[in-house]
């Protein structure tokens, strides 16, 4: 998919996102939204690959949205 090509992640980062998604019941739409936010965090940092810290940052925003 286009997202997979443009928003490449480190293997561990993808596992983190998948695991969190399964545990919290994230929808496919929510999963892809978190992935895009992680891509934005990586872009702001100037890195090509999405790292665990970017995924965790995106998920932190997700938790904030759910709590609000």
PDB file of N, CA and C in Angstrom:
ATOM      1  N   UNK A   1       0.832  -1.184   0.000  1.00  0.00           N
ATOM      2  CA  UNK A   1       0.000   0.000   0.000  1.00  0.00           C
ATOM      3  C   UNK A   1       0.880   1.252   0.000  1.00  0.00           C
ATOM      4  N   UNK A   2       0.272   2.347  -0.314  1.00  0.00           N
ATOM      5  CA  UNK A   2       1.001   3.615  -0.374  1.00  0.00           C
ATOM      6  C   UNK A   2       1.558   3.992   0.995  1.00  0.00           C
ATOM      7  N   UNK A   3       0.755   3.801   2.041  1.00  0.00           N
ATOM      8  CA  UNK A   3       1.213   4.119   3.393  1.00  0.00           C
ATOM      9  C   UNK A   3       2.419   3.272   3.765  1.00  0.00           C
ATOM     10  N   UNK A   4       2.379   1.985   3.453  1.00  0.00           N
ATOM     11  CA  UNK A   4       3.481   1.087   3.782  1.00  0.00           C
ATOM     12  C   UNK A   4       4.775   1.548   3.105  1.00  0.00           C
ATOM     13  N   UNK A   5       4.658   2.040   1.874  1.00  0.00           N
ATOM     14  CA  UNK A   5       5.837   2.503   1.137  1.00  0.00           C
ATOM     15  C   UNK A   5       6.348   3.840   1.681  1.00  0.00           C
ATOM     16  N   UNK A   6       5.453   4.759   1.941  1.00  0.00           N
ATOM     17  CA  UNK A   6       5.851   6.103   2.357  1.00  0.00           C
ATOM     18  C   UNK A   6       6.164   6.215   3.845  1.00  0.00           C
ATOM     19  N   UNK A   7       5.639   5.300   4.633  1.00  0.00           N
ATOM     20  CA  UNK A   7       5.801   5.391   6.086  1.00  0.00           C
ATOM     21  C   UNK A   7       6.454   4.127   6.632  1.00  0.00           C
ATOM     22  N   UNK A   8       7.632   3.820   6.112  1.00  0.00           N
ATOM     23  CA  UNK A   8       8.344   2.609   6.525  1.00  0.00           C
ATOM     24  C   UNK A   8       8.710   2.674   8.003  1.00  0.00           C
ATOM     25  N   UNK A   9       8.547   1.538   8.685  1.00  0.00           N
ATOM     26  CA  UNK A   9       8.858   1.454  10.114  1.00  0.00           C
ATOM     27  C   UNK A   9       9.919   0.408  10.369  1.00  0.00           C
ATOM     28  N   UNK A  10      10.615   0.614  11.479  1.00  0.00           N
ATOM     29  CA  UNK A  10      11.508  -0.430  11.967  1.00  0.00           C
ATOM     30  C   UNK A  10      10.625  -1.609  12.375  1.00  0.00           C
ATOM     31  N   UNK A  11      11.164  -2.830  12.277  1.00  0.00           N
ATOM     32  CA  UNK A  11      10.375  -4.030  12.574  1.00  0.00           C
ATOM     33  C   UNK A  11       9.793  -3.995  13.990  1.00  0.00           C
ATOM     34  N   UNK A  12      10.580  -3.592  14.958  1.00  0.00           N
ATOM     35  CA  UNK A  12      10.108  -3.533  16.341  1.00  0.00           C
ATOM     36  C   UNK A  12       8.991  -2.524  16.526  1.00  0.00           C
ATOM     37  N   UNK A  13       9.049  -1.443  15.779  1.00  0.00           N
ATOM     38  CA  UNK A  13       8.024  -0.402  15.876  1.00  0.00           C
ATOM     39  C   UNK A  13       6.689  -0.906  15.366  1.00  0.00           C
ATOM     40  N   UNK A  14       6.738  -1.660  14.287  1.00  0.00           N
ATOM     41  CA  UNK A  14       5.498  -2.215  13.747  1.00  0.00           C
ATOM     42  C   UNK A  14       4.887  -3.203  14.734  1.00  0.00           C
ATOM     43  N   UNK A  15       5.721  -4.011  15.360  1.00  0.00           N
ATOM     44  CA  UNK A  15       5.227  -4.964  16.368  1.00  0.00           C
ATOM     45  C   UNK A  15       4.597  -4.222  17.550  1.00  0.00           C
ATOM     46  N   UNK A  16       5.218  -3.119  17.960  1.00  0.00           N
ATOM     47  CA  UNK A  16       4.669  -2.319  19.061  1.00  0.00           C
ATOM     48  C   UNK A  16       3.275  -1.817  18.706  1.00  0.00           C
ATOM     49  N   UNK A  17       3.126  -1.273  17.520  1.00  0.00           N
ATOM     50  CA  UNK A  17       1.834  -0.748  17.084  1.00  0.00           C
ATOM     51  C   UNK A  17       0.804  -1.869  16.967  1.00  0.00           C
ATOM     52  N   UNK A  18       1.195  -3.006  16.407  1.00  0.00           N
ATOM     53  CA  UNK A  18       0.272  -4.136  16.265  1.00  0.00           C
ATOM     54  C   UNK A  18      -0.165  -4.674  17.627  1.00  0.00           C
ATOM     55  N   UNK A  19       0.789  -4.825  18.536  1.00  0.00           N
ATOM     56  CA  UNK A  19       0.487  -5.341  19.875  1.00  0.00           C
ATOM     57  C   UNK A  19      -0.477  -4.405  20.609  1.00  0.00           C
ATOM     58  N   UNK A  20      -0.187  -3.113  20.569  1.00  0.00           N
ATOM     59  CA  UNK A  20      -1.042  -2.136  21.236  1.00  0.00           C
ATOM     60  C   UNK A  20      -2.435  -2.150  20.614  1.00  0.00           C
ATOM     61  N   UNK A  21      -2.477  -2.260  19.300  1.00  0.00           N
ATOM     62  CA  UNK A  21      -3.747  -2.294  18.583  1.00  0.00           C
ATOM     63  C   UNK A  21      -4.601  -3.480  19.015  1.00  0.00           C
ATOM     64  N   UNK A  22      -3.978  -4.634  19.149  1.00  0.00           N
ATOM     65  CA  UNK A  22      -4.703  -5.837  19.577  1.00  0.00           C
ATOM     66  C   UNK A  22      -5.182  -5.707  21.021  1.00  0.00           C
ATOM     67  N   UNK A  23      -4.327  -5.197  21.890  1.00  0.00           N
ATOM     68  CA  UNK A  23      -4.668  -5.090  23.311  1.00  0.00           C
ATOM     69  C   UNK A  23      -5.775  -4.073  23.567  1.00  0.00           C
ATOM     70  N   UNK A  24      -5.755  -2.987  22.835  1.00  0.00           N
ATOM     71  CA  UNK A  24      -6.717  -1.903  23.071  1.00  0.00           C
ATOM     72  C   UNK A  24      -7.913  -1.941  22.119  1.00  0.00           C
ATOM     73  N   UNK A  25      -7.931  -2.903  21.200  1.00  0.00           N
ATOM     74  CA  UNK A  25      -9.054  -3.011  20.275  1.00  0.00           C
ATOM     75  C   UNK A  25      -9.130  -1.874  19.277  1.00  0.00           C
ATOM     76  N   UNK A  26      -7.984  -1.420  18.821  1.00  0.00           N
ATOM     77  CA  UNK A  26      -7.933  -0.324  17.858  1.00  0.00           C
ATOM     78  C   UNK A  26      -8.503  -0.787  16.516  1.00  0.00           C
ATOM     79  N   UNK A  27      -9.336   0.021  15.915  1.00  0.00           N
ATOM     80  CA  UNK A  27      -9.892  -0.305  14.599  1.00  0.00           C
ATOM     81  C   UNK A  27      -8.809  -0.136  13.537  1.00  0.00           C
ATOM     82  N   UNK A  28      -9.074  -0.637  12.340  1.00  0.00           N
ATOM     83  CA  UNK A  28      -8.126  -0.476  11.235  1.00  0.00           C
ATOM     84  C   UNK A  28      -7.905   1.011  10.947  1.00  0.00           C
ATOM     85  N   UNK A  29      -8.972   1.764  11.018  1.00  0.00           N
ATOM     86  CA  UNK A  29      -8.865   3.208  10.790  1.00  0.00           C
ATOM     87  C   UNK A  29      -7.979   3.865  11.855  1.00  0.00           C
ATOM     88  N   UNK A  30      -8.187   3.492  13.115  1.00  0.00           N
ATOM     89  CA  UNK A  30      -7.374   4.020  14.205  1.00  0.00           C
ATOM     90  C   UNK A  30      -5.923   3.602  14.086  1.00  0.00           C
ATOM     91  N   UNK A  31      -5.701   2.361  13.652  1.00  0.00           N
ATOM     92  CA  UNK A  31      -4.347   1.844  13.443  1.00  0.00           C
ATOM     93  C   UNK A  31      -3.615   2.698  12.410  1.00  0.00           C
ATOM     94  N   UNK A  32      -4.267   2.939  11.282  1.00  0.00           N
ATOM     95  CA  UNK A  32      -3.633   3.728  10.226  1.00  0.00           C
ATOM     96  C   UNK A  32      -3.464   5.191  10.629  1.00  0.00           C
ATOM     97  N   UNK A  33      -4.382   5.693  11.412  1.00  0.00           N
ATOM     98  CA  UNK A  33      -4.246   7.072  11.902  1.00  0.00           C
ATOM     99  C   UNK A  33      -3.015   7.193  12.807  1.00  0.00           C
ATOM    100  N   UNK A  34      -2.842   6.228  13.718  1.00  0.00           N
ATOM    101  CA  UNK A  34      -1.667   6.232  14.601  1.00  0.00           C
ATOM    102  C   UNK A  34      -0.391   6.101  13.780  1.00  0.00           C
ATOM    103  N   UNK A  35      -0.431   5.275  12.740  1.00  0.00           N
ATOM    104  CA  UNK A  35       0.723   5.085  11.864  1.00  0.00           C
ATOM    105  C   UNK A  35       1.081   6.414  11.185  1.00  0.00           C
ATOM    106  N   UNK A  36       0.080   7.136  10.702  1.00  0.00           N
ATOM    107  CA  UNK A  36       0.340   8.422  10.047  1.00  0.00           C
ATOM    108  C   UNK A  36       0.895   9.457  11.025  1.00  0.00           C
ATOM    109  N   UNK A  37       0.384   9.466  12.248  1.00  0.00           N
ATOM    110  CA  UNK A  37       0.901  10.395  13.260  1.00  0.00           C
ATOM    111  C   UNK A  37       2.351  10.044  13.593  1.00  0.00           C
ATOM    112  N   UNK A  38       2.658   8.755  13.675  1.00  0.00           N
ATOM    113  CA  UNK A  38       4.044   8.325  13.917  1.00  0.00           C
ATOM    114  C   UNK A  38       4.944   8.774  12.767  1.00  0.00           C
ATOM    115  N   UNK A  39       4.439   8.710  11.531  1.00  0.00           N
ATOM    116  CA  UNK A  39       5.211   9.173  10.369  1.00  0.00           C
ATOM    117  C   UNK A  39       5.493  10.669  10.487  1.00  0.00           C
ATOM    118  N   UNK A  40       4.511  11.424  10.935  1.00  0.00           N
ATOM    119  CA  UNK A  40       4.687  12.861  11.117  1.00  0.00           C
ATOM    120  C   UNK A  40       5.744  13.141  12.178  1.00  0.00           C
ATOM    121  N   UNK A  41       5.710  12.397  13.279  1.00  0.00           N
ATOM    122  CA  UNK A  41       6.714  12.569  14.339  1.00  0.00           C
ATOM    123  C   UNK A  41       8.109  12.267  13.803  1.00  0.00           C
ATOM    124  N   UNK A  42       8.231  11.222  12.998  1.00  0.00           N
ATOM    125  CA  UNK A  42       9.530  10.883  12.407  1.00  0.00           C
ATOM    126  C   UNK A  42       9.978  11.979  11.436  1.00  0.00           C
ATOM    127  N   UNK A  43       9.049  12.510  10.656  1.00  0.00           N
ATOM    128  CA  UNK A  43       9.378  13.598   9.731  1.00  0.00           C
ATOM    129  C   UNK A  43       9.878  14.827  10.483  1.00  0.00           C
ATOM    130  N   UNK A  44       9.207  15.172  11.572  1.00  0.00           N
ATOM    131  CA  UNK A  44       9.619  16.335  12.358  1.00  0.00           C
ATOM    132  C   UNK A  44      11.011  16.152  12.949  1.00  0.00           C
ATOM    133  N   UNK A  45      11.367  14.898  13.209  1.00  0.00           N
ATOM    134  CA  UNK A  45      12.695  14.593  13.738  1.00  0.00           C
ATOM    135  C   UNK A  45      13.728  14.448  12.620  1.00  0.00           C
ATOM    136  N   UNK A  46      13.253  14.340  11.389  1.00  0.00           N
ATOM    137  CA  UNK A  46      14.152  14.212  10.248  1.00  0.00           C
ATOM    138  C   UNK A  46      14.682  12.808  10.024  1.00  0.00           C
ATOM    139  N   UNK A  47      13.933  11.789  10.463  1.00  0.00           N
ATOM    140  CA  UNK A  47      14.368  10.407  10.271  1.00  0.00           C
ATOM    141  C   UNK A  47      13.536   9.737   9.186  1.00  0.00           C
ATOM    142  N   UNK A  48      14.168   8.817   8.471  1.00  0.00           N
ATOM    143  CA  UNK A  48      13.496   8.137   7.368  1.00  0.00           C
ATOM    144  C   UNK A  48      12.555   7.039   7.856  1.00  0.00           C
ATOM    145  N   UNK A  49      13.016   6.264   8.835  1.00  0.00           N
ATOM    146  CA  UNK A  49      12.208   5.165   9.360  1.00  0.00           C
ATOM    147  C   UNK A  49      11.477   5.583  10.628  1.00  0.00           C
ATOM    148  N   UNK A  50      10.289   5.060  10.804  1.00  0.00           N
ATOM    149  CA  UNK A  50       9.534   5.288  12.033  1.00  0.00           C
ATOM    150  C   UNK A  50      10.116   4.382  13.108  1.00  0.00           C
ATOM    151  N   UNK A  51      10.528   4.971  14.211  1.00  0.00           N
ATOM    152  CA  UNK A  51      11.115   4.226  15.329  1.00  0.00           C
ATOM    153  C   UNK A  51      10.069   4.040  16.427  1.00  0.00           C
ATOM    154  N   UNK A  52      10.421   3.220  17.404  1.00  0.00           N
ATOM    155  CA  UNK A  52       9.525   2.964  18.534  1.00  0.00           C
ATOM    156  C   UNK A  52       9.085   4.258  19.214  1.00  0.00           C
ATOM    157  N   UNK A  53       9.998   5.201  19.378  1.00  0.00           N
ATOM    158  CA  UNK A  53       9.663   6.450  20.071  1.00  0.00           C
ATOM    159  C   UNK A  53       8.574   7.223  19.316  1.00  0.00           C
ATOM    160  N   UNK A  54       8.562   7.120  17.989  1.00  0.00           N
ATOM    161  CA  UNK A  54       7.538   7.809  17.197  1.00  0.00           C
ATOM    162  C   UNK A  54       6.180   7.125  17.364  1.00  0.00           C
ATOM    163  N   UNK A  55       6.196   5.794  17.382  1.00  0.00           N
ATOM    164  CA  UNK A  55       4.956   5.038  17.587  1.00  0.00           C
ATOM    165  C   UNK A  55       4.397   5.331  18.973  1.00  0.00           C
ATOM    166  N   UNK A  56       5.265   5.318  19.975  1.00  0.00           N
ATOM    167  CA  UNK A  56       4.814   5.577  21.343  1.00  0.00           C
ATOM    168  C   UNK A  56       4.279   6.998  21.491  1.00  0.00           C
ATOM    169  N   UNK A  57       4.890   7.938  20.801  1.00  0.00           N
ATOM    170  CA  UNK A  57       4.385   9.314  20.828  1.00  0.00           C
ATOM    171  C   UNK A  57       2.987   9.369  20.210  1.00  0.00           C
ATOM    172  N   UNK A  58       2.815   8.717  19.072  1.00  0.00           N
ATOM    173  CA  UNK A  58       1.511   8.698  18.404  1.00  0.00           C
ATOM    174  C   UNK A  58       0.457   8.032  19.282  1.00  0.00           C
ATOM    175  N   UNK A  59       0.822   6.939  19.929  1.00  0.00           N
ATOM    176  CA  UNK A  59      -0.120   6.244  20.803  1.00  0.00           C
ATOM    177  C   UNK A  59      -0.445   7.078  22.037  1.00  0.00           C
ATOM    178  N   UNK A  60       0.521   7.860  22.495  1.00  0.00           N
ATOM    179  CA  UNK A  60       0.269   8.770  23.611  1.00  0.00           C
ATOM    180  C   UNK A  60      -0.785   9.800  23.253  1.00  0.00           C
ATOM    181  N   UNK A  61      -0.727  10.309  22.027  1.00  0.00           N
ATOM    182  CA  UNK A  61      -1.759  11.244  21.572  1.00  0.00           C
ATOM    183  C   UNK A  61      -3.104  10.539  21.489  1.00  0.00           C
ATOM    184  N   UNK A  62      -3.070   9.294  21.061  1.00  0.00           N
ATOM    185  CA  UNK A  62      -4.305   8.503  20.950  1.00  0.00           C
ATOM    186  C   UNK A  62      -4.957   8.333  22.326  1.00  0.00           C
ATOM    187  N   UNK A  63      -4.141   8.025  23.320  1.00  0.00           N
ATOM    188  CA  UNK A  63      -4.664   7.875  24.679  1.00  0.00           C
ATOM    189  C   UNK A  63      -5.257   9.184  25.178  1.00  0.00           C
ATOM    190  N   UNK A  64      -4.609  10.287  24.833  1.00  0.00           N
ATOM    191  CA  UNK A  64      -5.102  11.603  25.232  1.00  0.00           C
ATOM    192  C   UNK A  64      -6.461  11.881  24.586  1.00  0.00           C
ATOM    193  N   UNK A  65      -6.605  11.533  23.300  1.00  0.00           N
ATOM    194  CA  UNK A  65      -7.872  11.742  22.593  1.00  0.00           C
ATOM    195  C   UNK A  65      -8.994  10.910  23.198  1.00  0.00           C
ATOM    196  N   UNK A  66      -8.684   9.662  23.550  1.00  0.00           N
ATOM    197  CA  UNK A  66      -9.695   8.767  24.115  1.00  0.00           C
ATOM    198  C   UNK A  66     -10.132   9.257  25.487  1.00  0.00           C
ATOM    199  N   UNK A  67      -9.187   9.784  26.267  1.00  0.00           N
ATOM    200  CA  UNK A  67      -9.483  10.250  27.624  1.00  0.00           C
ATOM    201  C   UNK A  67     -10.298  11.547  27.623  1.00  0.00           C
ATOM    202  N   UNK A  68     -10.170  12.320  26.564  1.00  0.00           N
ATOM    203  CA  UNK A  68     -10.842  13.631  26.514  1.00  0.00           C
ATOM    204  C   UNK A  68     -12.319  13.538  26.274  1.00  0.00           C
TER     205      UNK A  68
END
